[in-house]
Amino acid sequence: IEVRLLNTHAPQYSGDAEYLPPHKVATE
């Protein structure tokens, strides 16, 4: 299970968007 998120309000970047690193979920 991986969580993949895009931050669509990232004013520090010219495109105002930034992908977060994929997050691995433990399945226990």
PDB file of all heavy atoms in Angstrom:
ATOM      1  N   ILE A   1       0.858  -1.187   0.000  1.00  0.00           N
ATOM      2  CA  ILE A   1       0.000   0.000   0.000  1.00  0.00           C
ATOM      3  C   ILE A   1       0.890   1.231   0.000  1.00  0.00           C
ATOM      4  O   ILE A   1       1.753   1.389   0.867  1.00  0.00           O
ATOM      5  CB  ILE A   1      -0.934   0.032   1.227  1.00  0.00           C
ATOM      6  CG1 ILE A   1      -1.793  -1.226   1.284  1.00  0.00           C
ATOM      7  CG2 ILE A   1      -1.813   1.278   1.197  1.00  0.00           C
ATOM      8  CD1 ILE A   1      -2.685  -1.289   2.512  1.00  0.00           C
ATOM      9  N   GLU A   2       0.691   2.098  -0.989  1.00  0.00           N
ATOM     10  CA  GLU A   2       1.453   3.343  -1.074  1.00  0.00           C
ATOM     11  C   GLU A   2       0.496   4.525  -1.196  1.00  0.00           C
ATOM     12  O   GLU A   2      -0.514   4.449  -1.896  1.00  0.00           O
ATOM     13  CB  GLU A   2       2.399   3.334  -2.263  1.00  0.00           C
ATOM     14  CG  GLU A   2       3.663   2.529  -2.047  1.00  0.00           C
ATOM     15  CD  GLU A   2       4.710   2.805  -3.110  1.00  0.00           C
ATOM     16  OE1 GLU A   2       4.352   3.346  -4.172  1.00  0.00           O
ATOM     17  OE2 GLU A   2       5.882   2.491  -2.865  1.00  0.00           O
ATOM     18  N   VAL A   3       0.842   5.607  -0.506  1.00  0.00           N
ATOM     19  CA  VAL A   3       0.075   6.851  -0.586  1.00  0.00           C
ATOM     20  C   VAL A   3       0.866   7.821  -1.453  1.00  0.00           C
ATOM     21  O   VAL A   3       2.032   8.122  -1.161  1.00  0.00           O
ATOM     22  CB  VAL A   3      -0.167   7.445   0.806  1.00  0.00           C
ATOM     23  CG1 VAL A   3      -1.005   8.726   0.703  1.00  0.00           C
ATOM     24  CG2 VAL A   3      -0.867   6.433   1.712  1.00  0.00           C
ATOM     25  N   ARG A   4       0.222   8.304  -2.503  1.00  0.00           N
ATOM     26  CA  ARG A   4       0.866   9.262  -3.424  1.00  0.00           C
ATOM     27  C   ARG A   4       0.031  10.539  -3.453  1.00  0.00           C
ATOM     28  O   ARG A   4      -1.129  10.506  -3.852  1.00  0.00           O
ATOM     29  CB  ARG A   4       0.987   8.660  -4.820  1.00  0.00           C
ATOM     30  CG  ARG A   4       1.836   7.390  -4.857  1.00  0.00           C
ATOM     31  CD  ARG A   4       1.855   6.765  -6.250  1.00  0.00           C
ATOM     32  NE  ARG A   4       2.653   5.554  -6.278  1.00  0.00           N
ATOM     33  CZ  ARG A   4       3.965   5.523  -6.524  1.00  0.00           C
ATOM     34  NH1 ARG A   4       4.607   6.660  -6.792  1.00  0.00           N
ATOM     35  NH2 ARG A   4       4.626   4.386  -6.516  1.00  0.00           N
ATOM     36  N   LEU A   5       0.628  11.635  -3.020  1.00  0.00           N
ATOM     37  CA  LEU A   5      -0.096  12.889  -2.885  1.00  0.00           C
ATOM     38  C   LEU A   5       0.581  14.015  -3.660  1.00  0.00           C
ATOM     39  O   LEU A   5       1.817  14.089  -3.738  1.00  0.00           O
ATOM     40  CB  LEU A   5      -0.202  13.295  -1.414  1.00  0.00           C
ATOM     41  CG  LEU A   5      -1.032  12.388  -0.499  1.00  0.00           C
ATOM     42  CD1 LEU A   5      -0.953  12.881   0.935  1.00  0.00           C
ATOM     43  CD2 LEU A   5      -2.474  12.319  -0.974  1.00  0.00           C
ATOM     44  N   LEU A   6      -0.249  14.899  -4.201  1.00  0.00           N
ATOM     45  CA  LEU A   6       0.199  16.125  -4.849  1.00  0.00           C
ATOM     46  C   LEU A   6      -0.294  17.306  -4.035  1.00  0.00           C
ATOM     47  O   LEU A   6      -1.484  17.403  -3.718  1.00  0.00           O
ATOM     48  CB  LEU A   6      -0.369  16.208  -6.272  1.00  0.00           C
ATOM     49  CG  LEU A   6      -0.130  17.525  -7.030  1.00  0.00           C
ATOM     50  CD1 LEU A   6       1.350  17.704  -7.359  1.00  0.00           C
ATOM     51  CD2 LEU A   6      -0.985  17.579  -8.294  1.00  0.00           C
ATOM     52  N   ASN A   7       0.622  18.198  -3.661  1.00  0.00           N
ATOM     53  CA  ASN A   7       0.261  19.438  -2.991  1.00  0.00           C
ATOM     54  C   ASN A   7      -0.007  20.494  -4.060  1.00  0.00           C
ATOM     55  O   ASN A   7       0.915  20.959  -4.736  1.00  0.00           O
ATOM     56  CB  ASN A   7       1.395  19.893  -2.070  1.00  0.00           C
ATOM     57  CG  ASN A   7       1.071  21.200  -1.363  1.00  0.00           C
ATOM     58  OD1 ASN A   7      -0.065  21.636  -1.330  1.00  0.00           O
ATOM     59  ND2 ASN A   7       2.097  21.826  -0.799  1.00  0.00           N
ATOM     60  N   THR A   8      -1.283  20.848  -4.235  1.00  0.00           N
ATOM     61  CA  THR A   8      -1.649  21.802  -5.284  1.00  0.00           C
ATOM     62  C   THR A   8      -1.559  23.249  -4.826  1.00  0.00           C
ATOM     63  O   THR A   8      -1.867  24.156  -5.605  1.00  0.00           O
ATOM     64  CB  THR A   8      -3.075  21.518  -5.785  1.00  0.00           C
ATOM     65  OG1 THR A   8      -4.005  21.685  -4.704  1.00  0.00           O
ATOM     66  CG2 THR A   8      -3.187  20.102  -6.334  1.00  0.00           C
ATOM     67  N   HIS A   9      -1.161  23.470  -3.563  1.00  0.00           N
ATOM     68  CA  HIS A   9      -0.916  24.837  -3.102  1.00  0.00           C
ATOM     69  C   HIS A   9       0.478  24.890  -2.486  1.00  0.00           C
ATOM     70  O   HIS A   9       0.654  24.755  -1.277  1.00  0.00           O
ATOM     71  CB  HIS A   9      -1.958  25.284  -2.081  1.00  0.00           C
ATOM     72  CG  HIS A   9      -1.789  26.712  -1.665  1.00  0.00           C
ATOM     73  ND1 HIS A   9      -1.169  27.081  -0.496  1.00  0.00           N
ATOM     74  CD2 HIS A   9      -2.125  27.869  -2.275  1.00  0.00           C
ATOM     75  CE1 HIS A   9      -1.148  28.390  -0.391  1.00  0.00           C
ATOM     76  NE2 HIS A   9      -1.722  28.903  -1.464  1.00  0.00           N
ATOM     77  N   ALA A  10       1.466  25.048  -3.366  1.00  0.00           N
ATOM     78  CA  ALA A  10       2.868  25.146  -2.958  1.00  0.00           C
ATOM     79  C   ALA A  10       3.426  26.447  -3.526  1.00  0.00           C
ATOM     80  O   ALA A  10       4.079  26.457  -4.581  1.00  0.00           O
ATOM     81  CB  ALA A  10       3.660  23.938  -3.466  1.00  0.00           C
ATOM     82  N   PRO A  11       3.174  27.588  -2.869  1.00  0.00           N
ATOM     83  CA  PRO A  11       3.539  28.890  -3.444  1.00  0.00           C
ATOM     84  C   PRO A  11       5.034  29.108  -3.606  1.00  0.00           C
ATOM     85  O   PRO A  11       5.448  30.046  -4.297  1.00  0.00           O
ATOM     86  CB  PRO A  11       2.934  29.886  -2.440  1.00  0.00           C
ATOM     87  CG  PRO A  11       2.802  29.119  -1.168  1.00  0.00           C
ATOM     88  CD  PRO A  11       2.522  27.708  -1.559  1.00  0.00           C
ATOM     89  N   GLN A  12       5.869  28.245  -3.008  1.00  0.00           N
ATOM     90  CA  GLN A  12       7.316  28.396  -3.154  1.00  0.00           C
ATOM     91  C   GLN A  12       7.816  27.924  -4.515  1.00  0.00           C
ATOM     92  O   GLN A  12       8.982  28.154  -4.862  1.00  0.00           O
ATOM     93  CB  GLN A  12       8.055  27.641  -2.043  1.00  0.00           C
ATOM     94  CG  GLN A  12       7.911  26.126  -2.070  1.00  0.00           C
ATOM     95  CD  GLN A  12       6.755  25.615  -1.245  1.00  0.00           C
ATOM     96  OE1 GLN A  12       5.714  26.256  -1.178  1.00  0.00           O
ATOM     97  NE2 GLN A  12       6.942  24.480  -0.596  1.00  0.00           N
ATOM     98  N   TYR A  13       6.944  27.269  -5.299  1.00  0.00           N
ATOM     99  CA  TYR A  13       7.328  26.782  -6.623  1.00  0.00           C
ATOM    100  C   TYR A  13       6.581  27.558  -7.704  1.00  0.00           C
ATOM    101  O   TYR A  13       5.436  27.979  -7.499  1.00  0.00           O
ATOM    102  CB  TYR A  13       7.024  25.287  -6.753  1.00  0.00           C
ATOM    103  CG  TYR A  13       7.825  24.438  -5.791  1.00  0.00           C
ATOM    104  CD1 TYR A  13       7.241  23.916  -4.643  1.00  0.00           C
ATOM    105  CD2 TYR A  13       9.175  24.196  -6.012  1.00  0.00           C
ATOM    106  CE1 TYR A  13       7.971  23.161  -3.748  1.00  0.00           C
ATOM    107  CE2 TYR A  13       9.923  23.444  -5.120  1.00  0.00           C
ATOM    108  CZ  TYR A  13       9.318  22.923  -3.987  1.00  0.00           C
ATOM    109  OH  TYR A  13      10.041  22.184  -3.096  1.00  0.00           O
ATOM    110  N   SER A  14       7.218  27.709  -8.836  1.00  0.00           N
ATOM    111  CA  SER A  14       6.625  28.509  -9.911  1.00  0.00           C
ATOM    112  C   SER A  14       5.319  27.910 -10.414  1.00  0.00           C
ATOM    113  O   SER A  14       4.422  28.624 -10.844  1.00  0.00           O
ATOM    114  CB  SER A  14       7.615  28.651 -11.070  1.00  0.00           C
ATOM    115  OG  SER A  14       7.982  27.378 -11.574  1.00  0.00           O
ATOM    116  N   GLY A  15       5.210  26.579 -10.366  1.00  0.00           N
ATOM    117  CA  GLY A  15       3.979  25.943 -10.804  1.00  0.00           C
ATOM    118  C   GLY A  15       2.946  25.776  -9.718  1.00  0.00           C
ATOM    119  O   GLY A  15       1.859  25.236  -9.958  1.00  0.00           O
ATOM    120  N   ASP A  16       3.262  26.235  -8.501  1.00  0.00           N
ATOM    121  CA  ASP A  16       2.348  26.164  -7.355  1.00  0.00           C
ATOM    122  C   ASP A  16       1.941  24.742  -6.995  1.00  0.00           C
ATOM    123  O   ASP A  16       0.895  24.535  -6.366  1.00  0.00           O
ATOM    124  CB  ASP A  16       1.087  26.995  -7.600  1.00  0.00           C
ATOM    125  CG  ASP A  16       1.359  28.487  -7.513  1.00  0.00           C
ATOM    126  OD1 ASP A  16       2.371  28.855  -6.898  1.00  0.00           O
ATOM    127  OD2 ASP A  16       0.584  29.268  -8.074  1.00  0.00           O
ATOM    128  N   ALA A  17       2.722  23.742  -7.370  1.00  0.00           N
ATOM    129  CA  ALA A  17       2.379  22.353  -7.051  1.00  0.00           C
ATOM    130  C   ALA A  17       3.650  21.551  -6.817  1.00  0.00           C
ATOM    131  O   ALA A  17       4.709  21.841  -7.392  1.00  0.00           O
ATOM    132  CB  ALA A  17       1.553  21.728  -8.165  1.00  0.00           C
ATOM    133  N   GLU A  18       3.540  20.534  -5.951  1.00  0.00           N
ATOM    134  CA  GLU A  18       4.688  19.684  -5.644  1.00  0.00           C
ATOM    135  C   GLU A  18       4.185  18.304  -5.238  1.00  0.00           C
ATOM    136  O   GLU A  18       3.253  18.168  -4.440  1.00  0.00           O
ATOM    137  CB  GLU A  18       5.512  20.272  -4.506  1.00  0.00           C
ATOM    138  CG  GLU A  18       6.701  19.403  -4.104  1.00  0.00           C
ATOM    139  CD  GLU A  18       7.315  19.834  -2.782  1.00  0.00           C
ATOM    140  OE1 GLU A  18       6.610  20.476  -1.984  1.00  0.00           O
ATOM    141  OE2 GLU A  18       8.497  19.494  -2.549  1.00  0.00           O
ATOM    142  N   TYR A  19       4.822  17.255  -5.788  1.00  0.00           N
ATOM    143  CA  TYR A  19       4.515  15.897  -5.368  1.00  0.00           C
ATOM    144  C   TYR A  19       5.249  15.566  -4.079  1.00  0.00           C
ATOM    145  O   TYR A  19       6.436  15.878  -3.926  1.00  0.00           O
ATOM    146  CB  TYR A  19       4.911  14.897  -6.450  1.00  0.00           C
ATOM    147  CG  TYR A  19       3.924  14.817  -7.595  1.00  0.00           C
ATOM    148  CD1 TYR A  19       4.146  15.521  -8.772  1.00  0.00           C
ATOM    149  CD2 TYR A  19       2.766  14.048  -7.489  1.00  0.00           C
ATOM    150  CE1 TYR A  19       3.243  15.455  -9.829  1.00  0.00           C
ATOM    151  CE2 TYR A  19       1.859  13.978  -8.539  1.00  0.00           C
ATOM    152  CZ  TYR A  19       2.104  14.681  -9.692  1.00  0.00           C
ATOM    153  OH  TYR A  19       1.207  14.615 -10.737  1.00  0.00           O
ATOM    154  N   LEU A  20       4.552  14.937  -3.151  1.00  0.00           N
ATOM    155  CA  LEU A  20       5.199  14.412  -1.956  1.00  0.00           C
ATOM    156  C   LEU A  20       5.857  13.082  -2.285  1.00  0.00           C
ATOM    157  O   LEU A  20       5.396  12.368  -3.190  1.00  0.00           O
ATOM    158  CB  LEU A  20       4.175  14.195  -0.836  1.00  0.00           C
ATOM    159  CG  LEU A  20       3.769  15.403   0.012  1.00  0.00           C
ATOM    160  CD1 LEU A  20       3.063  16.462  -0.827  1.00  0.00           C
ATOM    161  CD2 LEU A  20       2.883  14.954   1.169  1.00  0.00           C
ATOM    162  N   PRO A  21       6.917  12.697  -1.588  1.00  0.00           N
ATOM    163  CA  PRO A  21       7.500  11.371  -1.812  1.00  0.00           C
ATOM    164  C   PRO A  21       6.457  10.288  -1.529  1.00  0.00           C
ATOM    165  O   PRO A  21       5.668  10.417  -0.587  1.00  0.00           O
ATOM    166  CB  PRO A  21       8.659  11.311  -0.807  1.00  0.00           C
ATOM    167  CG  PRO A  21       8.960  12.733  -0.475  1.00  0.00           C
ATOM    168  CD  PRO A  21       7.665  13.470  -0.571  1.00  0.00           C
ATOM    169  N   PRO A  22       6.424   9.206  -2.318  1.00  0.00           N
ATOM    170  CA  PRO A  22       5.481   8.115  -2.023  1.00  0.00           C
ATOM    171  C   PRO A  22       5.687   7.581  -0.612  1.00  0.00           C
ATOM    172  O   PRO A  22       6.819   7.431  -0.148  1.00  0.00           O
ATOM    173  CB  PRO A  22       5.829   7.068  -3.085  1.00  0.00           C
ATOM    174  CG  PRO A  22       6.475   7.831  -4.191  1.00  0.00           C
ATOM    175  CD  PRO A  22       7.221   8.954  -3.525  1.00  0.00           C
ATOM    176  N   HIS A  23       4.598   7.296   0.050  1.00  0.00           N
ATOM    177  CA  HIS A  23       4.642   6.833   1.438  1.00  0.00           C
ATOM    178  C   HIS A  23       4.189   5.382   1.501  1.00  0.00           C
ATOM    179  O   HIS A  23       3.089   5.042   1.087  1.00  0.00           O
ATOM    180  CB  HIS A  23       3.750   7.698   2.320  1.00  0.00           C
ATOM    181  CG  HIS A  23       3.662   7.227   3.745  1.00  0.00           C
ATOM    182  ND1 HIS A  23       4.619   7.533   4.687  1.00  0.00           N
ATOM    183  CD2 HIS A  23       2.748   6.453   4.373  1.00  0.00           C
ATOM    184  CE1 HIS A  23       4.284   6.985   5.838  1.00  0.00           C
ATOM    185  NE2 HIS A  23       3.158   6.313   5.680  1.00  0.00           N
ATOM    186  N   LYS A  24       5.049   4.517   2.030  1.00  0.00           N
ATOM    187  CA  LYS A  24       4.754   3.094   2.168  1.00  0.00           C
ATOM    188  C   LYS A  24       4.020   2.850   3.478  1.00  0.00           C
ATOM    189  O   LYS A  24       4.453   3.300   4.546  1.00  0.00           O
ATOM    190  CB  LYS A  24       6.055   2.295   2.148  1.00  0.00           C
ATOM    191  CG  LYS A  24       5.874   0.791   2.234  1.00  0.00           C
ATOM    192  CD  LYS A  24       5.497   0.195   0.902  1.00  0.00           C
ATOM    193  CE  LYS A  24       5.560  -1.327   0.950  1.00  0.00           C
ATOM    194  NZ  LYS A  24       5.201  -1.928  -0.341  1.00  0.00           N
ATOM    195  N   VAL A  25       2.900   2.093   3.410  1.00  0.00           N
ATOM    196  CA  VAL A  25       2.075   1.809   4.576  1.00  0.00           C
ATOM    197  C   VAL A  25       2.333   0.391   5.052  1.00  0.00           C
ATOM    198  O   VAL A  25       2.310  -0.558   4.263  1.00  0.00           O
ATOM    199  CB  VAL A  25       0.581   1.974   4.247  1.00  0.00           C
ATOM    200  CG1 VAL A  25      -0.294   1.630   5.459  1.00  0.00           C
ATOM    201  CG2 VAL A  25       0.296   3.392   3.775  1.00  0.00           C
ATOM    202  N   ALA A  26       2.588   0.230   6.356  1.00  0.00           N
ATOM    203  CA  ALA A  26       2.683  -1.107   6.931  1.00  0.00           C
ATOM    204  C   ALA A  26       1.290  -1.717   6.979  1.00  0.00           C
ATOM    205  O   ALA A  26       0.324  -1.045   7.340  1.00  0.00           O
ATOM    206  CB  ALA A  26       3.281  -1.041   8.336  1.00  0.00           C
ATOM    207  N   THR A  27       1.158  -3.001   6.624  1.00  0.00           N
ATOM    208  CA  THR A  27      -0.163  -3.619   6.496  1.00  0.00           C
ATOM    209  C   THR A  27      -0.594  -4.396   7.729  1.00  0.00           C
ATOM    210  O   THR A  27      -1.630  -5.045   7.724  1.00  0.00           O
ATOM    211  CB  THR A  27      -0.199  -4.550   5.273  1.00  0.00           C
ATOM    212  OG1 THR A  27       0.877  -5.488   5.358  1.00  0.00           O
ATOM    213  CG2 THR A  27      -0.085  -3.754   3.989  1.00  0.00           C
ATOM    214  N   GLU A  28       0.164  -4.354   8.817  1.00  0.00           N
ATOM    215  CA  GLU A  28      -0.297  -4.957  10.063  1.00  0.00           C
ATOM    216  C   GLU A  28      -1.439  -4.117  10.610  1.00  0.00           C
ATOM    217  O   GLU A  28      -1.326  -2.904  10.775  1.00  0.00           O
ATOM    218  CB  GLU A  28       0.840  -5.004  11.087  1.00  0.00           C
ATOM    219  CG  GLU A  28       0.416  -5.604  12.420  1.00  0.00           C
ATOM    220  CD  GLU A  28       1.537  -5.573  13.433  1.00  0.00           C
ATOM    221  OE1 GLU A  28       2.662  -5.185  13.050  1.00  0.00           O
ATOM    222  OE2 GLU A  28       1.309  -5.914  14.595  1.00  0.00           O
TER     223      GLU A  28
END
